[in-house]
Amino acid sequence: MVTKPAPFDKDEVVTPNRLRPKDAATLVLVRRERDGPRVLMGQRHGNMAFMANKYVFPGGRVDPGDQRILLGGDLRAHVADRLTKSANASRARGFALAAIRETFEEAGILIGERTDKLPRTRAPAWRKFFEHGIAPRLDVLEFIARAITPPNRTRRFDARFFMADADAIAHTLDARENDELLTPCWLTLAEARALDLPSITRVVLDEVEARLADGTDASRPVPFFRFQRGKSQVDFI
């Protein structure tokens, strides 16, 4: 365990309510180019109550429907093992599927593979996803970080960060604007660090860079950023 200054923004609006964090998931997509790796990011709207105008990775809250999707195969053993230290197997799958769904909703990118065997679902977002004849794939995801928003913030999330190679992209929709993420773009790590980023995003970028340098080292621990007894700390899963 390492105690250090929190990788969270100190200038966020605070509230006296100690809100319970909501489960969330984020996906860092990496595209390998001649000038180095690039990551997919986008800028949030200025009228958002949480992280307005910040550049972020696609992500958001886990929906109940994410746990009910049976397609996608299995998480890799070391990924499932780390996720299920704090959740059951169904919730662990839900985290990963939420990251894929949010990437589709916010960036128009579908992670998975084409298939004729698609399920029926009541979840509107997943219905739209399946309209493209694609099923998600969980075996392409790496679990790279977890972070809980500090107490007394206007929004609190218990976020799991995943990473995947751009080769896992099965389809990309035409460029469009939506209510959350504006103009998704592929950025070098240096370009990303020059933008207005949430503090936790900078820390996750460091983890992405370290993992790219390590290659496919499944034994690398997953950092878990949180506050305990009023102090920030980093544990490793």
C-alpha atoms as a PDB file:
ATOM      1  CA  MET A   1       0.000   0.000   0.000  1.00  0.00           C
ATOM      2  CA  VAL A   2       1.245   3.481  -0.896  1.00  0.00           C
ATOM      3  CA  THR A   3      -0.202   6.693   0.508  1.00  0.00           C
ATOM      4  CA  LYS A   4       0.187   9.746  -1.702  1.00  0.00           C
ATOM      5  CA  PRO A   5      -1.768  12.850  -2.810  1.00  0.00           C
ATOM      6  CA  ALA A   6      -5.061  11.851  -4.377  1.00  0.00           C
ATOM      7  CA  PRO A   7      -5.165  11.626  -8.168  1.00  0.00           C
ATOM      8  CA  PHE A   8      -8.437  13.548  -8.202  1.00  0.00           C
ATOM      9  CA  ASP A   9      -9.252  17.150  -9.019  1.00  0.00           C
ATOM     10  CA  LYS A  10      -9.249  19.399  -5.978  1.00  0.00           C
ATOM     11  CA  ASP A  11     -11.285  22.162  -7.611  1.00  0.00           C
ATOM     12  CA  GLU A  12     -14.441  20.102  -8.106  1.00  0.00           C
ATOM     13  CA  VAL A  13     -17.619  21.465  -6.533  1.00  0.00           C
ATOM     14  CA  VAL A  14     -18.215  19.680  -3.255  1.00  0.00           C
ATOM     15  CA  THR A  15     -21.411  18.820  -1.429  1.00  0.00           C
ATOM     16  CA  PRO A  16     -21.950  18.028   2.254  1.00  0.00           C
ATOM     17  CA  ASN A  17     -23.711  14.787   1.295  1.00  0.00           C
ATOM     18  CA  ARG A  18     -21.623  11.638   1.414  1.00  0.00           C
ATOM     19  CA  LEU A  19     -23.038  10.075  -1.724  1.00  0.00           C
ATOM     20  CA  ARG A  20     -22.635   6.358  -2.229  1.00  0.00           C
ATOM     21  CA  PRO A  21     -20.454   5.694  -5.296  1.00  0.00           C
ATOM     22  CA  LYS A  22     -22.221   4.223  -8.311  1.00  0.00           C
ATOM     23  CA  ASP A  23     -20.581   1.476 -10.346  1.00  0.00           C
ATOM     24  CA  ALA A  24     -19.016   2.762 -13.558  1.00  0.00           C
ATOM     25  CA  ALA A  25     -16.740   1.471 -16.297  1.00  0.00           C
ATOM     26  CA  THR A  26     -14.315   3.071 -18.735  1.00  0.00           C
ATOM     27  CA  LEU A  27     -12.508   1.740 -21.793  1.00  0.00           C
ATOM     28  CA  VAL A  28      -9.094   2.903 -22.994  1.00  0.00           C
ATOM     29  CA  LEU A  29      -8.701   1.949 -26.646  1.00  0.00           C
ATOM     30  CA  VAL A  30      -5.129   1.895 -27.949  1.00  0.00           C
ATOM     31  CA  ARG A  31      -4.219   2.174 -31.623  1.00  0.00           C
ATOM     32  CA  ARG A  32      -0.606   1.468 -32.535  1.00  0.00           C
ATOM     33  CA  GLU A  33       0.852   3.900 -35.087  1.00  0.00           C
ATOM     34  CA  ARG A  34       4.325   4.535 -36.495  1.00  0.00           C
ATOM     35  CA  ASP A  35       4.694   7.589 -34.259  1.00  0.00           C
ATOM     36  CA  GLY A  36       3.713   5.567 -31.202  1.00  0.00           C
ATOM     37  CA  PRO A  37       0.492   4.433 -29.526  1.00  0.00           C
ATOM     38  CA  ARG A  38      -2.615   6.578 -29.671  1.00  0.00           C
ATOM     39  CA  VAL A  39      -5.587   6.510 -27.294  1.00  0.00           C
ATOM     40  CA  LEU A  40      -9.213   7.347 -27.984  1.00  0.00           C
ATOM     41  CA  MET A  41     -10.484  10.376 -26.057  1.00  0.00           C
ATOM     42  CA  GLY A  42     -13.163  13.030 -26.340  1.00  0.00           C
ATOM     43  CA  GLN A  43     -14.172  16.301 -24.678  1.00  0.00           C
ATOM     44  CA  ARG A  44     -17.208  16.455 -22.415  1.00  0.00           C
ATOM     45  CA  HIS A  45     -19.803  19.196 -22.849  1.00  0.00           C
ATOM     46  CA  GLY A  46     -19.342  22.393 -20.878  1.00  0.00           C
ATOM     47  CA  ASN A  47     -22.814  22.082 -19.358  1.00  0.00           C
ATOM     48  CA  MET A  48     -22.125  18.708 -17.730  1.00  0.00           C
ATOM     49  CA  ALA A  49     -22.371  18.640 -13.928  1.00  0.00           C
ATOM     50  CA  PHE A  50     -19.411  16.288 -13.692  1.00  0.00           C
ATOM     51  CA  MET A  51     -16.008  16.981 -15.311  1.00  0.00           C
ATOM     52  CA  ALA A  52     -17.340  19.644 -17.676  1.00  0.00           C
ATOM     53  CA  ASN A  53     -15.042  20.418 -20.660  1.00  0.00           C
ATOM     54  CA  LYS A  54     -12.561  17.742 -19.586  1.00  0.00           C
ATOM     55  CA  TYR A  55     -11.049  15.292 -22.039  1.00  0.00           C
ATOM     56  CA  VAL A  56     -11.848  11.736 -21.001  1.00  0.00           C
ATOM     57  CA  PHE A  57     -11.962   8.133 -22.178  1.00  0.00           C
ATOM     58  CA  PRO A  58     -15.393   6.736 -23.102  1.00  0.00           C
ATOM     59  CA  GLY A  59     -17.179   5.511 -19.998  1.00  0.00           C
ATOM     60  CA  GLY A  60     -20.125   5.870 -17.671  1.00  0.00           C
ATOM     61  CA  ARG A  61     -22.467   4.193 -15.206  1.00  0.00           C
ATOM     62  CA  VAL A  62     -23.121   0.476 -15.230  1.00  0.00           C
ATOM     63  CA  ASP A  63     -26.733  -0.283 -16.205  1.00  0.00           C
ATOM     64  CA  PRO A  64     -28.759  -3.239 -14.849  1.00  0.00           C
ATOM     65  CA  GLY A  65     -29.049  -4.581 -18.398  1.00  0.00           C
ATOM     66  CA  ASP A  66     -25.269  -4.962 -18.673  1.00  0.00           C
ATOM     67  CA  GLN A  67     -25.342  -7.942 -16.318  1.00  0.00           C
ATOM     68  CA  ARG A  68     -28.060  -9.666 -18.330  1.00  0.00           C
ATOM     69  CA  ILE A  69     -26.163  -9.848 -21.632  1.00  0.00           C
ATOM     70  CA  LEU A  70     -24.970 -13.438 -22.025  1.00  0.00           C
ATOM     71  CA  LEU A  71     -22.922 -12.900 -25.189  1.00  0.00           C
ATOM     72  CA  GLY A  72     -19.296 -11.861 -25.216  1.00  0.00           C
ATOM     73  CA  GLY A  73     -17.549 -15.034 -24.105  1.00  0.00           C
ATOM     74  CA  ASP A  74     -15.524 -15.107 -20.917  1.00  0.00           C
ATOM     75  CA  LEU A  75     -13.159 -12.656 -19.339  1.00  0.00           C
ATOM     76  CA  ARG A  76      -9.577 -13.849 -19.317  1.00  0.00           C
ATOM     77  CA  ALA A  77      -8.821 -15.777 -16.132  1.00  0.00           C
ATOM     78  CA  HIS A  78      -6.512 -13.182 -14.557  1.00  0.00           C
ATOM     79  CA  VAL A  79      -8.984 -10.376 -15.371  1.00  0.00           C
ATOM     80  CA  ALA A  80     -11.928 -12.262 -13.877  1.00  0.00           C
ATOM     81  CA  ASP A  81      -9.879 -13.141 -10.806  1.00  0.00           C
ATOM     82  CA  ARG A  82      -9.093  -9.499 -10.034  1.00  0.00           C
ATOM     83  CA  LEU A  83     -12.592  -8.206 -10.770  1.00  0.00           C
ATOM     84  CA  THR A  84     -14.258 -10.836  -8.597  1.00  0.00           C
ATOM     85  CA  LYS A  85     -12.249  -9.842  -5.546  1.00  0.00           C
ATOM     86  CA  SER A  86     -14.858  -7.113  -5.032  1.00  0.00           C
ATOM     87  CA  ALA A  87     -17.844  -8.409  -7.033  1.00  0.00           C
ATOM     88  CA  ASN A  88     -19.518 -11.637  -8.056  1.00  0.00           C
ATOM     89  CA  ALA A  89     -19.021 -13.088 -11.537  1.00  0.00           C
ATOM     90  CA  SER A  90     -22.207 -11.517 -12.920  1.00  0.00           C
ATOM     91  CA  ARG A  91     -21.234  -8.021 -11.772  1.00  0.00           C
ATOM     92  CA  ALA A  92     -17.710  -8.501 -13.093  1.00  0.00           C
ATOM     93  CA  ARG A  93     -19.095  -9.266 -16.550  1.00  0.00           C
ATOM     94  CA  GLY A  94     -21.409  -6.284 -16.190  1.00  0.00           C
ATOM     95  CA  PHE A  95     -18.464  -3.939 -15.600  1.00  0.00           C
ATOM     96  CA  ALA A  96     -16.737  -5.140 -18.771  1.00  0.00           C
ATOM     97  CA  LEU A  97     -19.907  -5.028 -20.865  1.00  0.00           C
ATOM     98  CA  ALA A  98     -20.693  -1.529 -19.579  1.00  0.00           C
ATOM     99  CA  ALA A  99     -17.293  -0.336 -20.821  1.00  0.00           C
ATOM    100  CA  ILE A 100     -18.065  -1.739 -24.282  1.00  0.00           C
ATOM    101  CA  ARG A 101     -21.599  -0.285 -24.301  1.00  0.00           C
ATOM    102  CA  GLU A 102     -20.454   3.170 -23.197  1.00  0.00           C
ATOM    103  CA  THR A 103     -17.793   3.209 -25.921  1.00  0.00           C
ATOM    104  CA  PHE A 104     -20.531   2.479 -28.449  1.00  0.00           C
ATOM    105  CA  GLU A 105     -22.854   5.149 -27.053  1.00  0.00           C
ATOM    106  CA  GLU A 106     -20.236   7.884 -26.655  1.00  0.00           C
ATOM    107  CA  ALA A 107     -17.885   7.228 -29.553  1.00  0.00           C
ATOM    108  CA  GLY A 108     -19.866   5.111 -32.020  1.00  0.00           C
ATOM    109  CA  ILE A 109     -17.313   2.291 -31.792  1.00  0.00           C
ATOM    110  CA  LEU A 110     -18.359  -1.340 -31.439  1.00  0.00           C
ATOM    111  CA  ILE A 111     -15.941  -3.765 -29.776  1.00  0.00           C
ATOM    112  CA  GLY A 112     -16.678  -7.379 -30.695  1.00  0.00           C
ATOM    113  CA  GLU A 113     -17.241  -9.662 -33.657  1.00  0.00           C
ATOM    114  CA  ARG A 114     -19.895 -10.198 -36.296  1.00  0.00           C
ATOM    115  CA  THR A 115     -22.368 -13.023 -35.711  1.00  0.00           C
ATOM    116  CA  ASP A 116     -25.860 -14.125 -36.693  1.00  0.00           C
ATOM    117  CA  LYS A 117     -26.608 -15.326 -33.173  1.00  0.00           C
ATOM    118  CA  LEU A 118     -27.733 -12.238 -31.304  1.00  0.00           C
ATOM    119  CA  PRO A 119     -30.004 -12.215 -28.256  1.00  0.00           C
ATOM    120  CA  ARG A 120     -33.170 -10.318 -27.555  1.00  0.00           C
ATOM    121  CA  THR A 121     -32.876  -7.660 -24.893  1.00  0.00           C
ATOM    122  CA  ARG A 122     -35.050  -4.975 -23.350  1.00  0.00           C
ATOM    123  CA  ALA A 123     -32.083  -2.634 -22.908  1.00  0.00           C
ATOM    124  CA  PRO A 124     -32.391   0.110 -25.589  1.00  0.00           C
ATOM    125  CA  ALA A 125     -28.645   0.682 -25.908  1.00  0.00           C
ATOM    126  CA  TRP A 126     -27.917  -3.014 -26.409  1.00  0.00           C
ATOM    127  CA  ARG A 127     -30.718  -3.306 -28.958  1.00  0.00           C
ATOM    128  CA  LYS A 128     -29.015  -0.564 -30.975  1.00  0.00           C
ATOM    129  CA  PHE A 129     -25.653  -2.287 -30.553  1.00  0.00           C
ATOM    130  CA  PHE A 130     -27.018  -5.613 -31.847  1.00  0.00           C
ATOM    131  CA  GLU A 131     -28.680  -3.924 -34.839  1.00  0.00           C
ATOM    132  CA  HIS A 132     -25.207  -3.836 -36.407  1.00  0.00           C
ATOM    133  CA  GLY A 133     -24.894  -7.623 -36.281  1.00  0.00           C
ATOM    134  CA  ILE A 134     -22.089  -7.532 -33.732  1.00  0.00           C
ATOM    135  CA  ALA A 135     -21.692  -9.262 -30.389  1.00  0.00           C
ATOM    136  CA  PRO A 136     -19.318  -7.887 -27.730  1.00  0.00           C
ATOM    137  CA  ARG A 137     -16.075  -9.691 -26.838  1.00  0.00           C
ATOM    138  CA  LEU A 138     -14.845  -9.768 -23.267  1.00  0.00           C
ATOM    139  CA  ASP A 139     -11.619 -11.660 -23.901  1.00  0.00           C
ATOM    140  CA  VAL A 140     -10.029  -8.587 -25.531  1.00  0.00           C
ATOM    141  CA  LEU A 141     -10.273  -6.497 -22.357  1.00  0.00           C
ATOM    142  CA  GLU A 142      -7.540  -5.945 -19.797  1.00  0.00           C
ATOM    143  CA  PHE A 143      -8.458  -4.622 -16.327  1.00  0.00           C
ATOM    144  CA  ILE A 144      -5.943  -1.850 -15.587  1.00  0.00           C
ATOM    145  CA  ALA A 145      -7.233   0.345 -12.728  1.00  0.00           C
ATOM    146  CA  ARG A 146     -10.003   1.032 -10.242  1.00  0.00           C
ATOM    147  CA  ALA A 147     -10.828   4.409  -8.689  1.00  0.00           C
ATOM    148  CA  ILE A 148     -13.485   5.670  -6.291  1.00  0.00           C
ATOM    149  CA  THR A 149     -14.348   9.360  -6.454  1.00  0.00           C
ATOM    150  CA  PRO A 150     -13.525  11.092  -3.126  1.00  0.00           C
ATOM    151  CA  PRO A 151     -16.348  11.861  -0.664  1.00  0.00           C
ATOM    152  CA  ASN A 152     -18.262  15.143  -0.832  1.00  0.00           C
ATOM    153  CA  ARG A 153     -18.285  15.428  -4.627  1.00  0.00           C
ATOM    154  CA  THR A 154     -21.386  16.217  -6.688  1.00  0.00           C
ATOM    155  CA  ARG A 155     -21.015  12.833  -8.401  1.00  0.00           C
ATOM    156  CA  ARG A 156     -19.314   9.720  -7.046  1.00  0.00           C
ATOM    157  CA  PHE A 157     -18.313   6.655  -9.021  1.00  0.00           C
ATOM    158  CA  ASP A 158     -16.593   3.375  -8.319  1.00  0.00           C
ATOM    159  CA  ALA A 159     -14.982   3.048 -11.738  1.00  0.00           C
ATOM    160  CA  ARG A 160     -13.213   0.092 -13.299  1.00  0.00           C
ATOM    161  CA  PHE A 161     -10.859   1.005 -16.132  1.00  0.00           C
ATOM    162  CA  PHE A 162     -10.317  -1.437 -18.990  1.00  0.00           C
ATOM    163  CA  MET A 163      -7.878  -1.364 -21.883  1.00  0.00           C
ATOM    164  CA  ALA A 164      -8.152  -2.954 -25.332  1.00  0.00           C
ATOM    165  CA  ASP A 165      -6.305  -2.845 -28.620  1.00  0.00           C
ATOM    166  CA  ALA A 166      -7.993  -1.065 -31.524  1.00  0.00           C
ATOM    167  CA  ASP A 167      -7.809  -4.356 -33.458  1.00  0.00           C
ATOM    168  CA  ALA A 168     -10.835  -5.400 -31.380  1.00  0.00           C
ATOM    169  CA  ILE A 169     -12.998  -2.777 -33.138  1.00  0.00           C
ATOM    170  CA  ALA A 170     -15.585  -4.566 -35.286  1.00  0.00           C
ATOM    171  CA  HIS A 171     -17.364  -1.490 -36.621  1.00  0.00           C
ATOM    172  CA  THR A 172     -17.277   2.312 -36.338  1.00  0.00           C
ATOM    173  CA  LEU A 173     -20.332   4.462 -36.958  1.00  0.00           C
ATOM    174  CA  ASP A 174     -20.196   7.646 -38.978  1.00  0.00           C
ATOM    175  CA  ALA A 175     -18.852  10.606 -37.013  1.00  0.00           C
ATOM    176  CA  ARG A 176     -21.612  12.248 -35.005  1.00  0.00           C
ATOM    177  CA  GLU A 177     -22.151  14.498 -32.024  1.00  0.00           C
ATOM    178  CA  ASN A 178     -23.912  13.238 -28.924  1.00  0.00           C
ATOM    179  CA  ASP A 179     -24.965  14.515 -25.513  1.00  0.00           C
ATOM    180  CA  GLU A 180     -21.831  13.548 -23.620  1.00  0.00           C
ATOM    181  CA  LEU A 181     -18.640  13.073 -25.625  1.00  0.00           C
ATOM    182  CA  LEU A 182     -17.729  15.536 -28.373  1.00  0.00           C
ATOM    183  CA  THR A 183     -15.461  14.826 -31.328  1.00  0.00           C
ATOM    184  CA  PRO A 184     -13.769  11.566 -30.349  1.00  0.00           C
ATOM    185  CA  CYS A 185     -10.141  11.628 -31.493  1.00  0.00           C
ATOM    186  CA  TRP A 186      -7.031   9.445 -31.432  1.00  0.00           C
ATOM    187  CA  LEU A 187      -4.196  11.139 -29.544  1.00  0.00           C
ATOM    188  CA  THR A 188      -0.587  10.297 -28.786  1.00  0.00           C
ATOM    189  CA  LEU A 189       0.138  10.072 -25.075  1.00  0.00           C
ATOM    190  CA  ALA A 190       1.985  13.407 -25.256  1.00  0.00           C
ATOM    191  CA  GLU A 191      -0.945  15.074 -27.040  1.00  0.00           C
ATOM    192  CA  ALA A 192      -3.354  13.685 -24.456  1.00  0.00           C
ATOM    193  CA  ARG A 193      -1.272  14.927 -21.521  1.00  0.00           C
ATOM    194  CA  ALA A 194      -1.273  18.456 -23.000  1.00  0.00           C
ATOM    195  CA  LEU A 195      -5.078  18.655 -22.736  1.00  0.00           C
ATOM    196  CA  ASP A 196      -7.387  19.569 -19.853  1.00  0.00           C
ATOM    197  CA  LEU A 197      -7.629  16.169 -18.193  1.00  0.00           C
ATOM    198  CA  PRO A 198      -9.119  15.012 -14.920  1.00  0.00           C
ATOM    199  CA  SER A 199      -6.336  14.071 -12.523  1.00  0.00           C
ATOM    200  CA  ILE A 200      -7.390  10.420 -12.444  1.00  0.00           C
ATOM    201  CA  THR A 201      -7.177  10.304 -16.252  1.00  0.00           C
ATOM    202  CA  ARG A 202      -3.531  11.420 -16.079  1.00  0.00           C
ATOM    203  CA  VAL A 203      -2.783   8.615 -13.639  1.00  0.00           C
ATOM    204  CA  VAL A 204      -4.506   6.070 -15.865  1.00  0.00           C
ATOM    205  CA  LEU A 205      -2.501   7.336 -18.855  1.00  0.00           C
ATOM    206  CA  ASP A 206       0.657   6.581 -16.872  1.00  0.00           C
ATOM    207  CA  GLU A 207      -0.644   3.066 -16.251  1.00  0.00           C
ATOM    208  CA  VAL A 208      -1.432   2.623 -19.957  1.00  0.00           C
ATOM    209  CA  GLU A 209       2.088   3.706 -20.891  1.00  0.00           C
ATOM    210  CA  ALA A 210       3.612   1.329 -18.350  1.00  0.00           C
ATOM    211  CA  ARG A 211       1.524  -1.574 -19.609  1.00  0.00           C
ATOM    212  CA  LEU A 212       2.451  -0.884 -23.220  1.00  0.00           C
ATOM    213  CA  ALA A 213       6.096  -1.004 -22.171  1.00  0.00           C
ATOM    214  CA  ASP A 214       5.557  -4.276 -20.239  1.00  0.00           C
ATOM    215  CA  GLY A 215       3.815  -6.013 -23.122  1.00  0.00           C
ATOM    216  CA  THR A 216       1.283  -8.675 -22.158  1.00  0.00           C
ATOM    217  CA  ASP A 217       2.334  -9.163 -18.546  1.00  0.00           C
ATOM    218  CA  ALA A 218      -0.729 -10.680 -16.881  1.00  0.00           C
ATOM    219  CA  SER A 219       0.980 -10.558 -13.487  1.00  0.00           C
ATOM    220  CA  ARG A 220       1.125  -6.756 -13.365  1.00  0.00           C
ATOM    221  CA  PRO A 221      -0.972  -5.570 -10.372  1.00  0.00           C
ATOM    222  CA  VAL A 222      -3.972  -3.289 -10.835  1.00  0.00           C
ATOM    223  CA  PRO A 223      -3.828   0.037  -8.915  1.00  0.00           C
ATOM    224  CA  PHE A 224      -6.881   0.907  -6.812  1.00  0.00           C
ATOM    225  CA  PHE A 225      -7.188   4.624  -5.949  1.00  0.00           C
ATOM    226  CA  ARG A 226      -9.460   5.612  -3.059  1.00  0.00           C
ATOM    227  CA  PHE A 227      -9.833   7.592   0.160  1.00  0.00           C
ATOM    228  CA  GLN A 228      -9.712   5.935   3.560  1.00  0.00           C
ATOM    229  CA  ARG A 229     -10.157   7.850   6.832  1.00  0.00           C
ATOM    230  CA  GLY A 230      -9.779  11.145   5.005  1.00  0.00           C
ATOM    231  CA  LYS A 231      -6.534  10.222   3.264  1.00  0.00           C
ATOM    232  CA  SER A 232      -5.836   9.131  -0.284  1.00  0.00           C
ATOM    233  CA  GLN A 233      -4.176   5.815  -0.840  1.00  0.00           C
ATOM    234  CA  VAL A 234      -3.276   3.388  -3.583  1.00  0.00           C
ATOM    235  CA  ASP A 235      -3.752  -0.336  -3.050  1.00  0.00           C
ATOM    236  CA  PHE A 236      -2.925  -3.002  -5.592  1.00  0.00           C
ATOM    237  CA  ILE A 237      -5.296  -5.742  -6.700  1.00  0.00           C
END
